[in-house]
Amino acid sequence: MLLTATNLRRAYGPLPVLKDISLAIQAGEVVSIVGASGAGKSTLLHILGTLDRPDGGAVSLAGQDVFSLDDKGLARFRNEKIGFVFQFHNLLPEFTALENVCMPGFIANRPERDVRQRAAELLNRLGLADRAAHFPSQLSGGEQQRVAVARALVNQPAVVFADEPSGNLDSRNAEELHQLFFDLRDEFGQTFIIVTHNEALAALADRTITLLDGQIKMAE
């Protein structure tokens, strides 16, 4: 298994949000996480993606017990092994599309030439070769989100976590983004774990995990 979580627990004050969550995800899967607002979806995604630590339980990703790492080691592991796509693209406005895609590679201290080549290849694959020198303000919403996808992929991560990735897009751009995830899985064997309210995207996934009141209701 690429990723396993065992007995994850998380509470905010007296409010339990995750209650002994256990799951396993194989390399190359596209898995959707669904559930009503407040069910714990984003909290689970943030813990699996090492953005937050659980109150109890363990996560193993690519053979690493992630929460055995200190904060510095965890940040390094996250940058090298994990990609993120959020509802809001969080692109840096003062940098071009190409430079935004390069950022995780530069942070990982990878050779600049290699990072720029990888970033250019990804933008080309995502249909943005002619937009590489444009700034985020010069791109449409759909283009900005595809730049964010390229950025998530630049370090060739073991897994990409997406939190409502199409929530800020119109229906056409949302459909194109959804298809892109599956195309990238088919081409590169990329693993995606996607929190979504979009029923069409959830239905396309290899497997759906439904959260109800901080627990897994059903996995299929």
C-alpha atoms as a PDB file:
ATOM      1  CA  MET A   1       0.000   0.000   0.000  1.00  0.00           C
ATOM      2  CA  LEU A   2       1.189   3.494  -0.768  1.00  0.00           C
ATOM      3  CA  LEU A   3      -0.619   5.082   2.155  1.00  0.00           C
ATOM      4  CA  THR A   4      -2.127   3.642   5.319  1.00  0.00           C
ATOM      5  CA  ALA A   5      -3.812   5.413   8.196  1.00  0.00           C
ATOM      6  CA  THR A   6      -4.502   3.656  11.474  1.00  0.00           C
ATOM      7  CA  ASN A   7      -6.879   4.792  14.208  1.00  0.00           C
ATOM      8  CA  LEU A   8      -6.632   8.500  13.450  1.00  0.00           C
ATOM      9  CA  ARG A   9      -8.231  10.744  16.041  1.00  0.00           C
ATOM     10  CA  ARG A  10      -8.545  14.514  16.031  1.00  0.00           C
ATOM     11  CA  ALA A  11     -10.547  16.859  18.214  1.00  0.00           C
ATOM     12  CA  TYR A  12     -10.849  20.619  18.425  1.00  0.00           C
ATOM     13  CA  GLY A  13     -11.352  21.346  22.098  1.00  0.00           C
ATOM     14  CA  PRO A  14     -14.172  19.113  23.347  1.00  0.00           C
ATOM     15  CA  LEU A  15     -15.426  18.453  19.785  1.00  0.00           C
ATOM     16  CA  PRO A  16     -14.224  15.150  18.251  1.00  0.00           C
ATOM     17  CA  VAL A  17     -13.801  15.562  14.486  1.00  0.00           C
ATOM     18  CA  LEU A  18     -12.134  12.261  13.520  1.00  0.00           C
ATOM     19  CA  LYS A  19     -12.920   9.082  15.441  1.00  0.00           C
ATOM     20  CA  ASP A  20     -10.526   6.166  14.873  1.00  0.00           C
ATOM     21  CA  ILE A  21     -10.231   6.478  11.094  1.00  0.00           C
ATOM     22  CA  SER A  22      -8.351   3.656   9.378  1.00  0.00           C
ATOM     23  CA  LEU A  23      -7.875   3.312   5.616  1.00  0.00           C
ATOM     24  CA  ALA A  24      -5.437   2.111   2.964  1.00  0.00           C
ATOM     25  CA  ILE A  25      -4.764   3.486  -0.520  1.00  0.00           C
ATOM     26  CA  GLN A  26      -2.814   1.824  -3.316  1.00  0.00           C
ATOM     27  CA  ALA A  27      -0.452   3.544  -5.730  1.00  0.00           C
ATOM     28  CA  GLY A  28      -2.246   4.716  -8.860  1.00  0.00           C
ATOM     29  CA  GLU A  29      -5.691   4.983  -7.266  1.00  0.00           C
ATOM     30  CA  VAL A  30      -7.969   7.972  -7.596  1.00  0.00           C
ATOM     31  CA  VAL A  31      -9.914   8.082  -4.339  1.00  0.00           C
ATOM     32  CA  SER A  32     -12.637  10.584  -3.490  1.00  0.00           C
ATOM     33  CA  ILE A  33     -13.568  11.576   0.046  1.00  0.00           C
ATOM     34  CA  VAL A  34     -17.138  12.793   0.393  1.00  0.00           C
ATOM     35  CA  GLY A  35     -19.541  13.702   3.154  1.00  0.00           C
ATOM     36  CA  ALA A  36     -21.645  16.531   4.513  1.00  0.00           C
ATOM     37  CA  SER A  37     -20.087  19.763   5.733  1.00  0.00           C
ATOM     38  CA  GLY A  38     -18.524  19.184   9.131  1.00  0.00           C
ATOM     39  CA  ALA A  39     -18.049  15.445   8.568  1.00  0.00           C
ATOM     40  CA  GLY A  40     -14.265  15.776   8.885  1.00  0.00           C
ATOM     41  CA  LYS A  41     -13.206  15.557   5.212  1.00  0.00           C
ATOM     42  CA  SER A  42     -10.738  18.425   5.137  1.00  0.00           C
ATOM     43  CA  THR A  43      -9.373  17.534   8.569  1.00  0.00           C
ATOM     44  CA  LEU A  44      -8.679  14.021   7.335  1.00  0.00           C
ATOM     45  CA  LEU A  45      -7.066  15.318   4.142  1.00  0.00           C
ATOM     46  CA  HIS A  46      -4.840  17.697   6.082  1.00  0.00           C
ATOM     47  CA  ILE A  47      -3.660  14.912   8.385  1.00  0.00           C
ATOM     48  CA  LEU A  48      -3.052  12.448   5.546  1.00  0.00           C
ATOM     49  CA  GLY A  49      -1.174  15.225   3.740  1.00  0.00           C
ATOM     50  CA  THR A  50       0.884  16.010   6.886  1.00  0.00           C
ATOM     51  CA  LEU A  51      -0.400  19.591   7.095  1.00  0.00           C
ATOM     52  CA  ASP A  52      -1.794  18.774  10.549  1.00  0.00           C
ATOM     53  CA  ARG A  53      -0.896  16.202  13.192  1.00  0.00           C
ATOM     54  CA  PRO A  54      -3.518  13.884  14.711  1.00  0.00           C
ATOM     55  CA  ASP A  55      -4.220  13.573  18.414  1.00  0.00           C
ATOM     56  CA  GLY A  56      -3.680   9.835  18.031  1.00  0.00           C
ATOM     57  CA  GLY A  57      -3.032   7.207  15.379  1.00  0.00           C
ATOM     58  CA  ALA A  58      -0.448   6.819  12.642  1.00  0.00           C
ATOM     59  CA  VAL A  59       0.049   7.525   8.935  1.00  0.00           C
ATOM     60  CA  SER A  60       2.534   5.682   6.726  1.00  0.00           C
ATOM     61  CA  LEU A  61       3.256   7.113   3.282  1.00  0.00           C
ATOM     62  CA  ALA A  62       5.726   5.574   0.837  1.00  0.00           C
ATOM     63  CA  GLY A  63       7.118   3.461   3.672  1.00  0.00           C
ATOM     64  CA  GLN A  64       7.666   6.400   6.041  1.00  0.00           C
ATOM     65  CA  ASP A  65       5.947   6.746   9.424  1.00  0.00           C
ATOM     66  CA  VAL A  66       5.360  10.419   8.763  1.00  0.00           C
ATOM     67  CA  PHE A  67       4.580  11.608  12.271  1.00  0.00           C
ATOM     68  CA  SER A  68       7.784  10.129  13.642  1.00  0.00           C
ATOM     69  CA  LEU A  69       9.528  13.000  11.820  1.00  0.00           C
ATOM     70  CA  ASP A  70      10.196  16.322  13.521  1.00  0.00           C
ATOM     71  CA  ASP A  71       8.665  19.452  11.999  1.00  0.00           C
ATOM     72  CA  LYS A  72      11.693  20.190   9.785  1.00  0.00           C
ATOM     73  CA  GLY A  73      11.906  16.621   8.531  1.00  0.00           C
ATOM     74  CA  LEU A  74       8.170  16.513   7.960  1.00  0.00           C
ATOM     75  CA  ALA A  75       8.270  19.719   5.903  1.00  0.00           C
ATOM     76  CA  ARG A  76      11.056  18.268   3.748  1.00  0.00           C
ATOM     77  CA  PHE A  77       9.190  14.989   3.288  1.00  0.00           C
ATOM     78  CA  ARG A  78       5.987  16.845   2.398  1.00  0.00           C
ATOM     79  CA  ASN A  79       7.669  18.944  -0.265  1.00  0.00           C
ATOM     80  CA  GLU A  80       9.375  15.947  -1.853  1.00  0.00           C
ATOM     81  CA  LYS A  81       6.621  13.327  -1.657  1.00  0.00           C
ATOM     82  CA  ILE A  82       3.292  15.182  -1.616  1.00  0.00           C
ATOM     83  CA  GLY A  83       1.538  17.566  -3.984  1.00  0.00           C
ATOM     84  CA  PHE A  84      -1.450  19.744  -3.161  1.00  0.00           C
ATOM     85  CA  VAL A  85      -4.232  21.322  -5.206  1.00  0.00           C
ATOM     86  CA  PHE A  86      -6.689  23.522  -3.331  1.00  0.00           C
ATOM     87  CA  GLN A  87      -9.941  25.231  -4.250  1.00  0.00           C
ATOM     88  CA  PHE A  88      -8.073  28.529  -4.473  1.00  0.00           C
ATOM     89  CA  HIS A  89      -4.905  28.103  -6.511  1.00  0.00           C
ATOM     90  CA  ASN A  90      -2.634  30.150  -4.192  1.00  0.00           C
ATOM     91  CA  LEU A  91      -0.333  31.159  -7.024  1.00  0.00           C
ATOM     92  CA  LEU A  92       2.240  33.835  -6.229  1.00  0.00           C
ATOM     93  CA  PRO A  93       1.112  36.918  -8.203  1.00  0.00           C
ATOM     94  CA  GLU A  94       4.600  38.365  -8.735  1.00  0.00           C
ATOM     95  CA  PHE A  95       5.886  35.238 -10.499  1.00  0.00           C
ATOM     96  CA  THR A  96       5.084  33.820 -13.929  1.00  0.00           C
ATOM     97  CA  ALA A  97       3.247  30.557 -14.460  1.00  0.00           C
ATOM     98  CA  LEU A  98       6.548  28.773 -15.091  1.00  0.00           C
ATOM     99  CA  GLU A  99       8.145  30.248 -11.977  1.00  0.00           C
ATOM    100  CA  ASN A 100       5.129  29.267  -9.859  1.00  0.00           C
ATOM    101  CA  VAL A 101       5.389  25.683 -11.078  1.00  0.00           C
ATOM    102  CA  CYS A 102       9.115  25.651 -10.292  1.00  0.00           C
ATOM    103  CA  MET A 103       8.746  26.757  -6.652  1.00  0.00           C
ATOM    104  CA  PRO A 104       8.513  23.306  -4.957  1.00  0.00           C
ATOM    105  CA  GLY A 105      11.530  22.137  -6.945  1.00  0.00           C
ATOM    106  CA  PHE A 106      13.564  25.172  -5.926  1.00  0.00           C
ATOM    107  CA  ILE A 107      12.553  24.671  -2.280  1.00  0.00           C
ATOM    108  CA  ALA A 108      13.762  21.063  -2.558  1.00  0.00           C
ATOM    109  CA  ASN A 109      17.130  22.383  -3.791  1.00  0.00           C
ATOM    110  CA  ARG A 110      16.904  20.465  -7.041  1.00  0.00           C
ATOM    111  CA  PRO A 111      19.062  21.626  -9.958  1.00  0.00           C
ATOM    112  CA  GLU A 112      17.475  24.737 -11.473  1.00  0.00           C
ATOM    113  CA  ARG A 113      17.873  23.528 -15.045  1.00  0.00           C
ATOM    114  CA  ASP A 114      16.124  20.229 -14.263  1.00  0.00           C
ATOM    115  CA  VAL A 115      13.309  21.967 -12.404  1.00  0.00           C
ATOM    116  CA  ARG A 116      12.680  24.447 -15.201  1.00  0.00           C
ATOM    117  CA  GLN A 117      12.691  21.671 -17.796  1.00  0.00           C
ATOM    118  CA  ARG A 118      10.225  19.589 -15.765  1.00  0.00           C
ATOM    119  CA  ALA A 119       7.990  22.643 -15.225  1.00  0.00           C
ATOM    120  CA  ALA A 120       7.997  23.490 -18.931  1.00  0.00           C
ATOM    121  CA  GLU A 121       7.134  19.890 -19.829  1.00  0.00           C
ATOM    122  CA  LEU A 122       4.214  19.901 -17.406  1.00  0.00           C
ATOM    123  CA  LEU A 123       2.850  23.201 -18.678  1.00  0.00           C
ATOM    124  CA  ASN A 124       3.094  21.868 -22.206  1.00  0.00           C
ATOM    125  CA  ARG A 125       1.265  18.684 -21.198  1.00  0.00           C
ATOM    126  CA  LEU A 126      -1.475  20.751 -19.570  1.00  0.00           C
ATOM    127  CA  GLY A 127      -1.909  22.903 -22.664  1.00  0.00           C
ATOM    128  CA  LEU A 128      -0.252  25.977 -21.193  1.00  0.00           C
ATOM    129  CA  ALA A 129       3.053  26.168 -23.088  1.00  0.00           C
ATOM    130  CA  ASP A 130       2.059  29.521 -24.581  1.00  0.00           C
ATOM    131  CA  ARG A 131       1.116  30.870 -21.137  1.00  0.00           C
ATOM    132  CA  ALA A 132       4.349  30.010 -19.318  1.00  0.00           C
ATOM    133  CA  ALA A 133       5.562  33.623 -19.214  1.00  0.00           C
ATOM    134  CA  HIS A 134       2.202  35.032 -18.128  1.00  0.00           C
ATOM    135  CA  PHE A 135       1.462  36.157 -14.588  1.00  0.00           C
ATOM    136  CA  PRO A 136      -1.525  34.712 -12.677  1.00  0.00           C
ATOM    137  CA  SER A 137      -3.542  37.913 -13.239  1.00  0.00           C
ATOM    138  CA  GLN A 138      -3.220  37.304 -16.981  1.00  0.00           C
ATOM    139  CA  LEU A 139      -4.658  33.775 -16.777  1.00  0.00           C
ATOM    140  CA  SER A 140      -8.248  32.561 -16.603  1.00  0.00           C
ATOM    141  CA  GLY A 141      -9.489  30.696 -13.551  1.00  0.00           C
ATOM    142  CA  GLY A 142      -9.192  27.356 -15.313  1.00  0.00           C
ATOM    143  CA  GLU A 143      -5.662  28.167 -16.479  1.00  0.00           C
ATOM    144  CA  GLN A 144      -4.619  29.197 -12.997  1.00  0.00           C
ATOM    145  CA  GLN A 145      -5.881  25.919 -11.568  1.00  0.00           C
ATOM    146  CA  ARG A 146      -3.995  23.931 -14.212  1.00  0.00           C
ATOM    147  CA  VAL A 147      -0.836  25.826 -13.244  1.00  0.00           C
ATOM    148  CA  ALA A 148      -1.541  24.766  -9.661  1.00  0.00           C
ATOM    149  CA  VAL A 149      -1.829  21.143 -10.829  1.00  0.00           C
ATOM    150  CA  ALA A 150       1.520  21.423 -12.636  1.00  0.00           C
ATOM    151  CA  ARG A 151       3.066  22.876  -9.475  1.00  0.00           C
ATOM    152  CA  ALA A 152       1.719  19.939  -7.473  1.00  0.00           C
ATOM    153  CA  LEU A 153       3.385  17.523  -9.905  1.00  0.00           C
ATOM    154  CA  VAL A 154       6.768  19.180 -10.407  1.00  0.00           C
ATOM    155  CA  ASN A 155       8.562  17.131  -7.730  1.00  0.00           C
ATOM    156  CA  GLN A 156       7.010  13.884  -9.003  1.00  0.00           C
ATOM    157  CA  PRO A 157       5.195  13.285  -5.713  1.00  0.00           C
ATOM    158  CA  ALA A 158       4.007   9.927  -4.466  1.00  0.00           C
ATOM    159  CA  VAL A 159       0.496  11.328  -4.033  1.00  0.00           C
ATOM    160  CA  VAL A 160      -1.475  14.478  -4.820  1.00  0.00           C
ATOM    161  CA  PHE A 161      -4.106  15.671  -2.363  1.00  0.00           C
ATOM    162  CA  ALA A 162      -6.853  17.885  -3.777  1.00  0.00           C
ATOM    163  CA  ASP A 163      -9.276  19.776  -1.534  1.00  0.00           C
ATOM    164  CA  GLU A 164     -12.381  20.870  -3.493  1.00  0.00           C
ATOM    165  CA  PRO A 165     -10.178  21.505  -6.549  1.00  0.00           C
ATOM    166  CA  SER A 166     -13.043  22.475  -8.856  1.00  0.00           C
ATOM    167  CA  GLY A 167     -15.090  24.379  -6.269  1.00  0.00           C
ATOM    168  CA  ASN A 168     -14.111  27.765  -7.695  1.00  0.00           C
ATOM    169  CA  LEU A 169     -14.505  26.838 -11.380  1.00  0.00           C
ATOM    170  CA  ASP A 170     -17.401  26.994 -13.814  1.00  0.00           C
ATOM    171  CA  SER A 171     -18.873  23.713 -15.028  1.00  0.00           C
ATOM    172  CA  ARG A 172     -16.789  23.508 -18.226  1.00  0.00           C
ATOM    173  CA  ASN A 173     -13.476  24.138 -16.470  1.00  0.00           C
ATOM    174  CA  ALA A 174     -14.471  21.810 -13.648  1.00  0.00           C
ATOM    175  CA  GLU A 175     -15.159  19.014 -16.123  1.00  0.00           C
ATOM    176  CA  GLU A 176     -11.806  19.594 -17.833  1.00  0.00           C
ATOM    177  CA  LEU A 177      -9.976  19.547 -14.494  1.00  0.00           C
ATOM    178  CA  HIS A 178     -11.692  16.323 -13.466  1.00  0.00           C
ATOM    179  CA  GLN A 179     -10.685  14.658 -16.723  1.00  0.00           C
ATOM    180  CA  LEU A 180      -7.132  15.905 -16.281  1.00  0.00           C
ATOM    181  CA  PHE A 181      -6.759  14.041 -12.987  1.00  0.00           C
ATOM    182  CA  PHE A 182      -7.700  10.763 -14.626  1.00  0.00           C
ATOM    183  CA  ASP A 183      -5.528  11.403 -17.677  1.00  0.00           C
ATOM    184  CA  LEU A 184      -2.543  12.039 -15.393  1.00  0.00           C
ATOM    185  CA  ARG A 185      -3.271   8.878 -13.463  1.00  0.00           C
ATOM    186  CA  ASP A 186      -3.434   6.864 -16.674  1.00  0.00           C
ATOM    187  CA  GLU A 187      -0.254   8.413 -18.116  1.00  0.00           C
ATOM    188  CA  PHE A 188       1.949   8.630 -15.031  1.00  0.00           C
ATOM    189  CA  GLY A 189       0.366   6.265 -12.508  1.00  0.00           C
ATOM    190  CA  GLN A 190      -0.224   9.294 -10.292  1.00  0.00           C
ATOM    191  CA  THR A 191      -2.213   8.757  -7.097  1.00  0.00           C
ATOM    192  CA  PHE A 192      -4.905  11.318  -6.263  1.00  0.00           C
ATOM    193  CA  ILE A 193      -6.925  11.710  -3.070  1.00  0.00           C
ATOM    194  CA  ILE A 194      -9.696  14.235  -3.622  1.00  0.00           C
ATOM    195  CA  VAL A 195     -12.093  15.855  -1.170  1.00  0.00           C
ATOM    196  CA  THR A 196     -15.117  16.986  -3.151  1.00  0.00           C
ATOM    197  CA  HIS A 197     -18.766  17.921  -3.021  1.00  0.00           C
ATOM    198  CA  ASN A 198     -18.934  17.380  -6.785  1.00  0.00           C
ATOM    199  CA  GLU A 199     -20.953  14.210  -7.310  1.00  0.00           C
ATOM    200  CA  ALA A 200     -19.730  13.781 -10.895  1.00  0.00           C
ATOM    201  CA  LEU A 201     -16.088  13.810  -9.817  1.00  0.00           C
ATOM    202  CA  ALA A 202     -16.761  11.459  -6.899  1.00  0.00           C
ATOM    203  CA  ALA A 203     -18.537   9.029  -9.222  1.00  0.00           C
ATOM    204  CA  LEU A 204     -15.534   8.871 -11.559  1.00  0.00           C
ATOM    205  CA  ALA A 205     -13.122   7.855  -8.798  1.00  0.00           C
ATOM    206  CA  ASP A 206     -11.869   4.306  -8.430  1.00  0.00           C
ATOM    207  CA  ARG A 207     -13.150   4.325  -4.890  1.00  0.00           C
ATOM    208  CA  THR A 208     -15.226   6.608  -2.688  1.00  0.00           C
ATOM    209  CA  ILE A 209     -14.761   7.031   1.056  1.00  0.00           C
ATOM    210  CA  THR A 210     -17.774   8.559   2.767  1.00  0.00           C
ATOM    211  CA  LEU A 211     -17.364  10.291   6.119  1.00  0.00           C
ATOM    212  CA  LEU A 212     -20.230  10.685   8.543  1.00  0.00           C
ATOM    213  CA  ASP A 213     -19.702  12.402  11.893  1.00  0.00           C
ATOM    214  CA  GLY A 214     -15.969  11.758  11.843  1.00  0.00           C
ATOM    215  CA  GLN A 215     -16.165   8.100  10.907  1.00  0.00           C
ATOM    216  CA  ILE A 216     -16.021   6.152   7.657  1.00  0.00           C
ATOM    217  CA  LYS A 217     -19.577   5.305   6.713  1.00  0.00           C
ATOM    218  CA  MET A 218     -18.813   3.321   3.606  1.00  0.00           C
ATOM    219  CA  ALA A 219     -15.879   2.590   1.306  1.00  0.00           C
ATOM    220  CA  GLU A 220     -16.463   1.157  -2.147  1.00  0.00           C
END
